[in-house]
Structure formats: structure tokens, C-alpha cells
Amino acid sequence: MAESKSDTHSKGMTPQQFRHWRRQLGLKQKDAADRLGLKKRMIQYYEKGNRDGRPVEIPKSIRLACYALSEGIGDFDGQSTTPLSLETAEAE
């Protein structure tokens, strides 16, 4: 029996890995939510791993955004990236 694509790759980011990512960047839940374009409640669901007793998977788009933020990328317009330092300065 052949393995499916989902069997050969990890299931993505675990709640513990997500929490570790946020803490490594020194972000509070609200800050992480703002950077990812989410509500703080979604950050809490991702870190808990469930919502009302049902499992919550961290979407690939969020996992990729976490990686970009870890690399100092604050935005992407399809051609070039905006470093976090510029994005933060523009917001002030």
C-alpha cells in the first residue's frame, strides 16, 4: 500500500511548536495575532490545539507566515519583501 502525501510529511506545526515560535520572537498573544492578521482568540486556539473540544489545525498559510516573520519579513507584495523594521516604523 502506497503512502499518501500527508503520511510522508509531518502534520504541520504542533500547538507546542506554535507557542515556542511566538515566545522565541518575544511576542505576546495579541502581538502575534496582529502580525499574523488574526484575532487573539485564534492564537489561543492554536496554542491549545483545540476549540470547544474539537482539534484545531494550524493552516499552512499561517505556518508559512510564522516562518516569514521568523526570518524578519513583515510583508510581501508579490515581488519584494518588506523587512519587519520598516513595517514597524511605518505603523508608528
PDB file of N, CA and C in Angstrom:
ATOM      1  N   MET A   1       0.842  -1.184   0.000  1.00  0.00           N
ATOM      2  CA  MET A   1       0.000   0.000   0.000  1.00  0.00           C
ATOM      3  C   MET A   1       0.891   1.253   0.000  1.00  0.00           C
ATOM      4  N   ALA A   2       0.669   2.168  -0.911  1.00  0.00           N
ATOM      5  CA  ALA A   2       1.480   3.374  -1.030  1.00  0.00           C
ATOM      6  C   ALA A   2       1.080   4.391   0.029  1.00  0.00           C
ATOM      7  N   GLU A   3       2.082   5.127   0.495  1.00  0.00           N
ATOM      8  CA  GLU A   3       1.808   6.174   1.462  1.00  0.00           C
ATOM      9  C   GLU A   3       1.253   7.395   0.743  1.00  0.00           C
ATOM     10  N   SER A   4       0.309   8.064   1.381  1.00  0.00           N
ATOM     11  CA  SER A   4      -0.214   9.295   0.800  1.00  0.00           C
ATOM     12  C   SER A   4       0.756  10.425   1.118  1.00  0.00           C
ATOM     13  N   LYS A   5       0.599  11.542   0.424  1.00  0.00           N
ATOM     14  CA  LYS A   5       1.452  12.699   0.663  1.00  0.00           C
ATOM     15  C   LYS A   5       1.399  13.140   2.116  1.00  0.00           C
ATOM     16  N   SER A   6       0.211  13.118   2.709  1.00  0.00           N
ATOM     17  CA  SER A   6       0.077  13.575   4.090  1.00  0.00           C
ATOM     18  C   SER A   6       0.782  12.639   5.065  1.00  0.00           C
ATOM     19  N   ASP A   7       0.940  11.351   4.698  1.00  0.00           N
ATOM     20  CA  ASP A   7       1.640  10.412   5.560  1.00  0.00           C
ATOM     21  C   ASP A   7       3.151  10.609   5.507  1.00  0.00           C
ATOM     22  N   THR A   8       3.666  11.074   4.378  1.00  0.00           N
ATOM     23  CA  THR A   8       5.107  11.193   4.218  1.00  0.00           C
ATOM     24  C   THR A   8       5.651  12.498   4.776  1.00  0.00           C
ATOM     25  N   HIS A   9       4.815  13.471   4.998  1.00  0.00           N
ATOM     26  CA  HIS A   9       5.233  14.746   5.563  1.00  0.00           C
ATOM     27  C   HIS A   9       4.630  14.890   6.955  1.00  0.00           C
ATOM     28  N   SER A  10       5.279  15.725   7.770  1.00  0.00           N
ATOM     29  CA  SER A  10       4.739  15.942   9.108  1.00  0.00           C
ATOM     30  C   SER A  10       3.363  16.602   9.000  1.00  0.00           C
ATOM     31  N   LYS A  11       2.629  16.509  10.042  1.00  0.00           N
ATOM     32  CA  LYS A  11       1.266  17.064  10.056  1.00  0.00           C
ATOM     33  C   LYS A  11       1.271  18.575  10.210  1.00  0.00           C
ATOM     34  N   GLY A  12       2.424  19.181  10.193  1.00  0.00           N
ATOM     35  CA  GLY A  12       2.491  20.622  10.331  1.00  0.00           C
ATOM     36  C   GLY A  12       3.005  21.019  11.695  1.00  0.00           C
ATOM     37  N   MET A  13       2.596  22.161  12.126  1.00  0.00           N
ATOM     38  CA  MET A  13       3.063  22.749  13.376  1.00  0.00           C
ATOM     39  C   MET A  13       2.168  22.305  14.524  1.00  0.00           C
ATOM     40  N   THR A  14       2.783  21.835  15.592  1.00  0.00           N
ATOM     41  CA  THR A  14       2.023  21.443  16.777  1.00  0.00           C
ATOM     42  C   THR A  14       1.717  22.680  17.617  1.00  0.00           C
ATOM     43  N   PRO A  15       0.748  22.582  18.527  1.00  0.00           N
ATOM     44  CA  PRO A  15       0.484  23.710  19.425  1.00  0.00           C
ATOM     45  C   PRO A  15       1.735  24.127  20.208  1.00  0.00           C
ATOM     46  N   GLN A  16       2.533  23.142  20.634  1.00  0.00           N
ATOM     47  CA  GLN A  16       3.749  23.447  21.389  1.00  0.00           C
ATOM     48  C   GLN A  16       4.763  24.185  20.509  1.00  0.00           C
ATOM     49  N   GLN A  17       4.886  23.774  19.257  1.00  0.00           N
ATOM     50  CA  GLN A  17       5.805  24.448  18.333  1.00  0.00           C
ATOM     51  C   GLN A  17       5.336  25.873  18.053  1.00  0.00           C
ATOM     52  N   PHE A  18       4.035  26.043  17.919  1.00  0.00           N
ATOM     53  CA  PHE A  18       3.490  27.391  17.676  1.00  0.00           C
ATOM     54  C   PHE A  18       3.788  28.304  18.859  1.00  0.00           C
ATOM     55  N   ARG A  19       3.536  27.826  20.073  1.00  0.00           N
ATOM     56  CA  ARG A  19       3.799  28.610  21.285  1.00  0.00           C
ATOM     57  C   ARG A  19       5.292  28.948  21.373  1.00  0.00           C
ATOM     58  N   HIS A  20       6.134  27.958  21.076  1.00  0.00           N
ATOM     59  CA  HIS A  20       7.577  28.180  21.103  1.00  0.00           C
ATOM     60  C   HIS A  20       7.978  29.253  20.088  1.00  0.00           C
ATOM     61  N   TRP A  21       7.404  29.184  18.881  1.00  0.00           N
ATOM     62  CA  TRP A  21       7.690  30.197  17.849  1.00  0.00           C
ATOM     63  C   TRP A  21       7.361  31.590  18.377  1.00  0.00           C
ATOM     64  N   ARG A  22       6.173  31.737  18.959  1.00  0.00           N
ATOM     65  CA  ARG A  22       5.735  33.049  19.451  1.00  0.00           C
ATOM     66  C   ARG A  22       6.669  33.557  20.541  1.00  0.00           C
ATOM     67  N   ARG A  23       7.007  32.682  21.463  1.00  0.00           N
ATOM     68  CA  ARG A  23       7.876  33.090  22.571  1.00  0.00           C
ATOM     69  C   ARG A  23       9.292  33.399  22.096  1.00  0.00           C
ATOM     70  N   GLN A  24       9.788  32.654  21.107  1.00  0.00           N
ATOM     71  CA  GLN A  24      11.122  32.907  20.550  1.00  0.00           C
ATOM     72  C   GLN A  24      11.204  34.315  19.969  1.00  0.00           C
ATOM     73  N   LEU A  25      10.104  34.780  19.392  1.00  0.00           N
ATOM     74  CA  LEU A  25      10.074  36.128  18.827  1.00  0.00           C
ATOM     75  C   LEU A  25       9.766  37.191  19.886  1.00  0.00           C
ATOM     76  N   GLY A  26       9.486  36.741  21.117  1.00  0.00           N
ATOM     77  CA  GLY A  26       9.195  37.676  22.197  1.00  0.00           C
ATOM     78  C   GLY A  26       7.845  38.353  22.048  1.00  0.00           C
ATOM     79  N   LEU A  27       6.901  37.652  21.409  1.00  0.00           N
ATOM     80  CA  LEU A  27       5.580  38.235  21.150  1.00  0.00           C
ATOM     81  C   LEU A  27       4.556  37.777  22.177  1.00  0.00           C
ATOM     82  N   LYS A  28       3.720  38.699  22.593  1.00  0.00           N
ATOM     83  CA  LYS A  28       2.541  38.334  23.376  1.00  0.00           C
ATOM     84  C   LYS A  28       1.512  37.793  22.389  1.00  0.00           C
ATOM     85  N   GLN A  29       0.486  37.129  22.896  1.00  0.00           N
ATOM     86  CA  GLN A  29      -0.532  36.563  22.003  1.00  0.00           C
ATOM     87  C   GLN A  29      -1.155  37.637  21.124  1.00  0.00           C
ATOM     88  N   LYS A  30      -1.433  38.795  21.674  1.00  0.00           N
ATOM     89  CA  LYS A  30      -2.040  39.891  20.908  1.00  0.00           C
ATOM     90  C   LYS A  30      -1.097  40.371  19.802  1.00  0.00           C
ATOM     91  N   ASP A  31       0.202  40.463  20.126  1.00  0.00           N
ATOM     92  CA  ASP A  31       1.181  40.890  19.123  1.00  0.00           C
ATOM     93  C   ASP A  31       1.274  39.881  17.982  1.00  0.00           C
ATOM     94  N   ALA A  32       1.300  38.595  18.331  1.00  0.00           N
ATOM     95  CA  ALA A  32       1.346  37.545  17.304  1.00  0.00           C
ATOM     96  C   ALA A  32       0.106  37.616  16.427  1.00  0.00           C
ATOM     97  N   ALA A  33      -1.044  37.838  17.049  1.00  0.00           N
ATOM     98  CA  ALA A  33      -2.290  37.947  16.296  1.00  0.00           C
ATOM     99  C   ALA A  33      -2.227  39.116  15.313  1.00  0.00           C
ATOM    100  N   ASP A  34      -1.743  40.251  15.782  1.00  0.00           N
ATOM    101  CA  ASP A  34      -1.633  41.432  14.916  1.00  0.00           C
ATOM    102  C   ASP A  34      -0.695  41.171  13.738  1.00  0.00           C
ATOM    103  N   ARG A  35       0.448  40.563  13.997  1.00  0.00           N
ATOM    104  CA  ARG A  35       1.427  40.296  12.940  1.00  0.00           C
ATOM    105  C   ARG A  35       0.905  39.291  11.921  1.00  0.00           C
ATOM    106  N   LEU A  36       0.094  38.331  12.388  1.00  0.00           N
ATOM    107  CA  LEU A  36      -0.428  37.289  11.505  1.00  0.00           C
ATOM    108  C   LEU A  36      -1.776  37.664  10.884  1.00  0.00           C
ATOM    109  N   GLY A  37      -2.359  38.790  11.306  1.00  0.00           N
ATOM    110  CA  GLY A  37      -3.652  39.205  10.782  1.00  0.00           C
ATOM    111  C   GLY A  37      -4.801  38.373  11.325  1.00  0.00           C
ATOM    112  N   LEU A  38      -4.668  37.958  12.587  1.00  0.00           N
ATOM    113  CA  LEU A  38      -5.677  37.113  13.227  1.00  0.00           C
ATOM    114  C   LEU A  38      -6.218  37.778  14.477  1.00  0.00           C
ATOM    115  N   LYS A  39      -7.262  37.194  15.016  1.00  0.00           N
ATOM    116  CA  LYS A  39      -7.779  37.595  16.315  1.00  0.00           C
ATOM    117  C   LYS A  39      -6.970  36.873  17.390  1.00  0.00           C
ATOM    118  N   LYS A  40      -6.823  37.495  18.539  1.00  0.00           N
ATOM    119  CA  LYS A  40      -6.087  36.873  19.643  1.00  0.00           C
ATOM    120  C   LYS A  40      -6.668  35.504  19.988  1.00  0.00           C
ATOM    121  N   ARG A  41      -7.959  35.355  19.853  1.00  0.00           N
ATOM    122  CA  ARG A  41      -8.617  34.089  20.183  1.00  0.00           C
ATOM    123  C   ARG A  41      -8.079  32.937  19.317  1.00  0.00           C
ATOM    124  N   MET A  42      -7.774  33.207  18.042  1.00  0.00           N
ATOM    125  CA  MET A  42      -7.233  32.162  17.177  1.00  0.00           C
ATOM    126  C   MET A  42      -5.850  31.722  17.652  1.00  0.00           C
ATOM    127  N   ILE A  43      -5.059  32.664  18.127  1.00  0.00           N
ATOM    128  CA  ILE A  43      -3.746  32.325  18.676  1.00  0.00           C
ATOM    129  C   ILE A  43      -3.928  31.383  19.857  1.00  0.00           C
ATOM    130  N   GLN A  44      -4.920  31.677  20.694  1.00  0.00           N
ATOM    131  CA  GLN A  44      -5.194  30.827  21.851  1.00  0.00           C
ATOM    132  C   GLN A  44      -5.626  29.432  21.409  1.00  0.00           C
ATOM    133  N   TYR A  45      -6.449  29.335  20.384  1.00  0.00           N
ATOM    134  CA  TYR A  45      -6.872  28.024  19.872  1.00  0.00           C
ATOM    135  C   TYR A  45      -5.673  27.254  19.324  1.00  0.00           C
ATOM    136  N   TYR A  46      -4.821  27.945  18.561  1.00  0.00           N
ATOM    137  CA  TYR A  46      -3.649  27.273  18.001  1.00  0.00           C
ATOM    138  C   TYR A  46      -2.729  26.764  19.093  1.00  0.00           C
ATOM    139  N   GLU A  47      -2.572  27.533  20.157  1.00  0.00           N
ATOM    140  CA  GLU A  47      -1.690  27.120  21.244  1.00  0.00           C
ATOM    141  C   GLU A  47      -2.305  26.020  22.106  1.00  0.00           C
ATOM    142  N   LYS A  48      -3.605  26.013  22.187  1.00  0.00           N
ATOM    143  CA  LYS A  48      -4.293  24.972  22.957  1.00  0.00           C
ATOM    144  C   LYS A  48      -4.440  23.690  22.131  1.00  0.00           C
ATOM    145  N   GLY A  49      -4.582  23.853  20.821  1.00  0.00           N
ATOM    146  CA  GLY A  49      -4.714  22.697  19.933  1.00  0.00           C
ATOM    147  C   GLY A  49      -6.144  22.252  19.724  1.00  0.00           C
ATOM    148  N   ASN A  50      -7.075  22.955  20.333  1.00  0.00           N
ATOM    149  CA  ASN A  50      -8.479  22.608  20.104  1.00  0.00           C
ATOM    150  C   ASN A  50      -9.369  23.816  20.351  1.00  0.00           C
ATOM    151  N   ARG A  51     -10.575  23.704  19.836  1.00  0.00           N
ATOM    152  CA  ARG A  51     -11.604  24.734  20.001  1.00  0.00           C
ATOM    153  C   ARG A  51     -12.886  24.010  20.369  1.00  0.00           C
ATOM    154  N   ASP A  52     -13.359  24.264  21.563  1.00  0.00           N
ATOM    155  CA  ASP A  52     -14.581  23.620  22.062  1.00  0.00           C
ATOM    156  C   ASP A  52     -14.482  22.098  21.960  1.00  0.00           C
ATOM    157  N   GLY A  53     -13.296  21.570  22.284  1.00  0.00           N
ATOM    158  CA  GLY A  53     -13.103  20.128  22.282  1.00  0.00           C
ATOM    159  C   GLY A  53     -12.795  19.502  20.932  1.00  0.00           C
ATOM    160  N   ARG A  54     -12.823  20.311  19.867  1.00  0.00           N
ATOM    161  CA  ARG A  54     -12.503  19.800  18.524  1.00  0.00           C
ATOM    162  C   ARG A  54     -11.081  20.225  18.157  1.00  0.00           C
ATOM    163  N   PRO A  55     -10.316  19.328  17.538  1.00  0.00           N
ATOM    164  CA  PRO A  55      -8.931  19.667  17.166  1.00  0.00           C
ATOM    165  C   PRO A  55      -8.877  20.854  16.200  1.00  0.00           C
ATOM    166  N   VAL A  56      -7.861  21.680  16.388  1.00  0.00           N
ATOM    167  CA  VAL A  56      -7.626  22.823  15.510  1.00  0.00           C
ATOM    168  C   VAL A  56      -6.268  22.628  14.856  1.00  0.00           C
ATOM    169  N   GLU A  57      -6.259  22.625  13.522  1.00  0.00           N
ATOM    170  CA  GLU A  57      -5.012  22.511  12.781  1.00  0.00           C
ATOM    171  C   GLU A  57      -4.541  23.908  12.397  1.00  0.00           C
ATOM    172  N   ILE A  58      -3.257  24.133  12.533  1.00  0.00           N
ATOM    173  CA  ILE A  58      -2.687  25.416  12.134  1.00  0.00           C
ATOM    174  C   ILE A  58      -2.509  25.376  10.612  1.00  0.00           C
ATOM    175  N   PRO A  59      -3.223  26.244   9.885  1.00  0.00           N
ATOM    176  CA  PRO A  59      -3.175  26.206   8.420  1.00  0.00           C
ATOM    177  C   PRO A  59      -1.771  26.462   7.870  1.00  0.00           C
ATOM    178  N   LYS A  60      -1.515  25.919   6.706  1.00  0.00           N
ATOM    179  CA  LYS A  60      -0.221  26.082   6.057  1.00  0.00           C
ATOM    180  C   LYS A  60       0.104  27.560   5.849  1.00  0.00           C
ATOM    181  N   SER A  61      -0.883  28.361   5.520  1.00  0.00           N
ATOM    182  CA  SER A  61      -0.643  29.791   5.302  1.00  0.00           C
ATOM    183  C   SER A  61      -0.120  30.455   6.578  1.00  0.00           C
ATOM    184  N   ILE A  62      -0.639  30.050   7.725  1.00  0.00           N
ATOM    185  CA  ILE A  62      -0.178  30.608   8.999  1.00  0.00           C
ATOM    186  C   ILE A  62       1.224  30.093   9.310  1.00  0.00           C
ATOM    187  N   ARG A  63       1.474  28.802   9.046  1.00  0.00           N
ATOM    188  CA  ARG A  63       2.810  28.244   9.279  1.00  0.00           C
ATOM    189  C   ARG A  63       3.850  28.978   8.430  1.00  0.00           C
ATOM    190  N   LEU A  64       3.517  29.247   7.179  1.00  0.00           N
ATOM    191  CA  LEU A  64       4.440  29.970   6.302  1.00  0.00           C
ATOM    192  C   LEU A  64       4.634  31.413   6.765  1.00  0.00           C
ATOM    193  N   ALA A  65       3.570  32.034   7.236  1.00  0.00           N
ATOM    194  CA  ALA A  65       3.676  33.398   7.760  1.00  0.00           C
ATOM    195  C   ALA A  65       4.560  33.418   9.009  1.00  0.00           C
ATOM    196  N   CYS A  66       4.455  32.395   9.850  1.00  0.00           N
ATOM    197  CA  CYS A  66       5.317  32.289  11.032  1.00  0.00           C
ATOM    198  C   CYS A  66       6.781  32.230  10.599  1.00  0.00           C
ATOM    199  N   TYR A  67       7.054  31.440   9.580  1.00  0.00           N
ATOM    200  CA  TYR A  67       8.419  31.329   9.074  1.00  0.00           C
ATOM    201  C   TYR A  67       8.905  32.683   8.553  1.00  0.00           C
ATOM    202  N   ALA A  68       8.084  33.346   7.772  1.00  0.00           N
ATOM    203  CA  ALA A  68       8.472  34.649   7.221  1.00  0.00           C
ATOM    204  C   ALA A  68       8.787  35.631   8.352  1.00  0.00           C
ATOM    205  N   LEU A  69       7.937  35.684   9.361  1.00  0.00           N
ATOM    206  CA  LEU A  69       8.182  36.582  10.489  1.00  0.00           C
ATOM    207  C   LEU A  69       9.466  36.209  11.220  1.00  0.00           C
ATOM    208  N   SER A  70       9.734  34.914  11.333  1.00  0.00           N
ATOM    209  CA  SER A  70      10.971  34.454  11.973  1.00  0.00           C
ATOM    210  C   SER A  70      12.199  34.918  11.202  1.00  0.00           C
ATOM    211  N   GLU A  71      12.045  35.056   9.884  1.00  0.00           N
ATOM    212  CA  GLU A  71      13.142  35.483   9.021  1.00  0.00           C
ATOM    213  C   GLU A  71      13.212  37.008   8.887  1.00  0.00           C
ATOM    214  N   GLY A  72      12.345  37.712   9.620  1.00  0.00           N
ATOM    215  CA  GLY A  72      12.376  39.169   9.591  1.00  0.00           C
ATOM    216  C   GLY A  72      11.584  39.795   8.468  1.00  0.00           C
ATOM    217  N   ILE A  73      10.730  39.013   7.807  1.00  0.00           N
ATOM    218  CA  ILE A  73       9.914  39.524   6.704  1.00  0.00           C
ATOM    219  C   ILE A  73       8.560  39.955   7.254  1.00  0.00           C
ATOM    220  N   GLY A  74       8.227  41.213   7.047  1.00  0.00           N
ATOM    221  CA  GLY A  74       6.983  41.748   7.578  1.00  0.00           C
ATOM    222  C   GLY A  74       5.835  41.725   6.592  1.00  0.00           C
ATOM    223  N   ASP A  75       6.159  41.747   5.281  1.00  0.00           N
ATOM    224  CA  ASP A  75       5.104  41.741   4.268  1.00  0.00           C
ATOM    225  C   ASP A  75       5.718  41.335   2.930  1.00  0.00           C
ATOM    226  N   PHE A  76       4.848  40.979   1.989  1.00  0.00           N
ATOM    227  CA  PHE A  76       5.282  40.570   0.658  1.00  0.00           C
ATOM    228  C   PHE A  76       4.231  41.026  -0.339  1.00  0.00           C
ATOM    229  N   ASP A  77       4.672  41.782  -1.353  1.00  0.00           N
ATOM    230  CA  ASP A  77       3.720  42.313  -2.340  1.00  0.00           C
ATOM    231  C   ASP A  77       3.691  41.517  -3.636  1.00  0.00           C
ATOM    232  N   GLY A  78       4.315  40.348  -3.650  1.00  0.00           N
ATOM    233  CA  GLY A  78       4.354  39.528  -4.846  1.00  0.00           C
ATOM    234  C   GLY A  78       5.666  39.659  -5.600  1.00  0.00           C
ATOM    235  N   GLN A  79       6.433  40.704  -5.285  1.00  0.00           N
ATOM    236  CA  GLN A  79       7.712  40.911  -5.949  1.00  0.00           C
ATOM    237  C   GLN A  79       8.854  41.120  -4.961  1.00  0.00           C
ATOM    238  N   SER A  80       8.573  41.848  -3.894  1.00  0.00           N
ATOM    239  CA  SER A  80       9.635  42.140  -2.931  1.00  0.00           C
ATOM    240  C   SER A  80       9.069  42.074  -1.516  1.00  0.00           C
ATOM    241  N   THR A  81       9.965  41.900  -0.582  1.00  0.00           N
ATOM    242  CA  THR A  81       9.551  41.801   0.818  1.00  0.00           C
ATOM    243  C   THR A  81       9.779  43.121   1.542  1.00  0.00           C
ATOM    244  N   THR A  82       9.010  43.325   2.586  1.00  0.00           N
ATOM    245  CA  THR A  82       9.192  44.465   3.461  1.00  0.00           C
ATOM    246  C   THR A  82       9.752  43.947   4.774  1.00  0.00           C
ATOM    247  N   PRO A  83      10.956  44.393   5.149  1.00  0.00           N
ATOM    248  CA  PRO A  83      11.510  43.944   6.423  1.00  0.00           C
ATOM    249  C   PRO A  83      10.633  44.397   7.588  1.00  0.00           C
ATOM    250  N   LEU A  84      10.628  43.603   8.648  1.00  0.00           N
ATOM    251  CA  LEU A  84       9.838  43.945   9.829  1.00  0.00           C
ATOM    252  C   LEU A  84      10.185  45.323  10.360  1.00  0.00           C
ATOM    253  N   SER A  85      11.436  45.704  10.324  1.00  0.00           N
ATOM    254  CA  SER A  85      11.844  47.006  10.870  1.00  0.00           C
ATOM    255  C   SER A  85      11.153  48.149  10.128  1.00  0.00           C
ATOM    256  N   LEU A  86      11.009  48.053   8.803  1.00  0.00           N
ATOM    257  CA  LEU A  86      10.295  49.085   8.047  1.00  0.00           C
ATOM    258  C   LEU A  86       8.814  49.058   8.323  1.00  0.00           C
ATOM    259  N   GLU A  87       8.242  47.847   8.415  1.00  0.00           N
ATOM    260  CA  GLU A  87       6.814  47.726   8.680  1.00  0.00           C
ATOM    261  C   GLU A  87       6.471  48.332  10.041  1.00  0.00           C
ATOM    262  N   THR A  88       7.284  48.069  11.038  1.00  0.00           N
ATOM    263  CA  THR A  88       7.072  48.593  12.388  1.00  0.00           C
ATOM    264  C   THR A  88       7.195  50.105  12.394  1.00  0.00           C
ATOM    265  N   ALA A  89       8.207  50.647  11.694  1.00  0.00           N
ATOM    266  CA  ALA A  89       8.406  52.081  11.651  1.00  0.00           C
ATOM    267  C   ALA A  89       7.245  52.802  10.965  1.00  0.00           C
ATOM    268  N   GLU A  90       6.702  52.199   9.916  1.00  0.00           N
ATOM    269  CA  GLU A  90       5.567  52.797   9.193  1.00  0.00           C
ATOM    270  C   GLU A  90       4.314  52.851  10.055  1.00  0.00           C
ATOM    271  N   ALA A  91       4.156  51.895  10.951  1.00  0.00           N
ATOM    272  CA  ALA A  91       2.963  51.822  11.805  1.00  0.00           C
ATOM    273  C   ALA A  91       2.979  52.891  12.893  1.00  0.00           C
ATOM    274  N   GLU A  92       4.153  53.390  13.224  1.00  0.00           N
ATOM    275  CA  GLU A  92       4.264  54.374  14.326  1.00  0.00           C
ATOM    276  C   GLU A  92       3.873  55.758  13.909  1.00  0.00           C
TER     277      GLU A  92
END
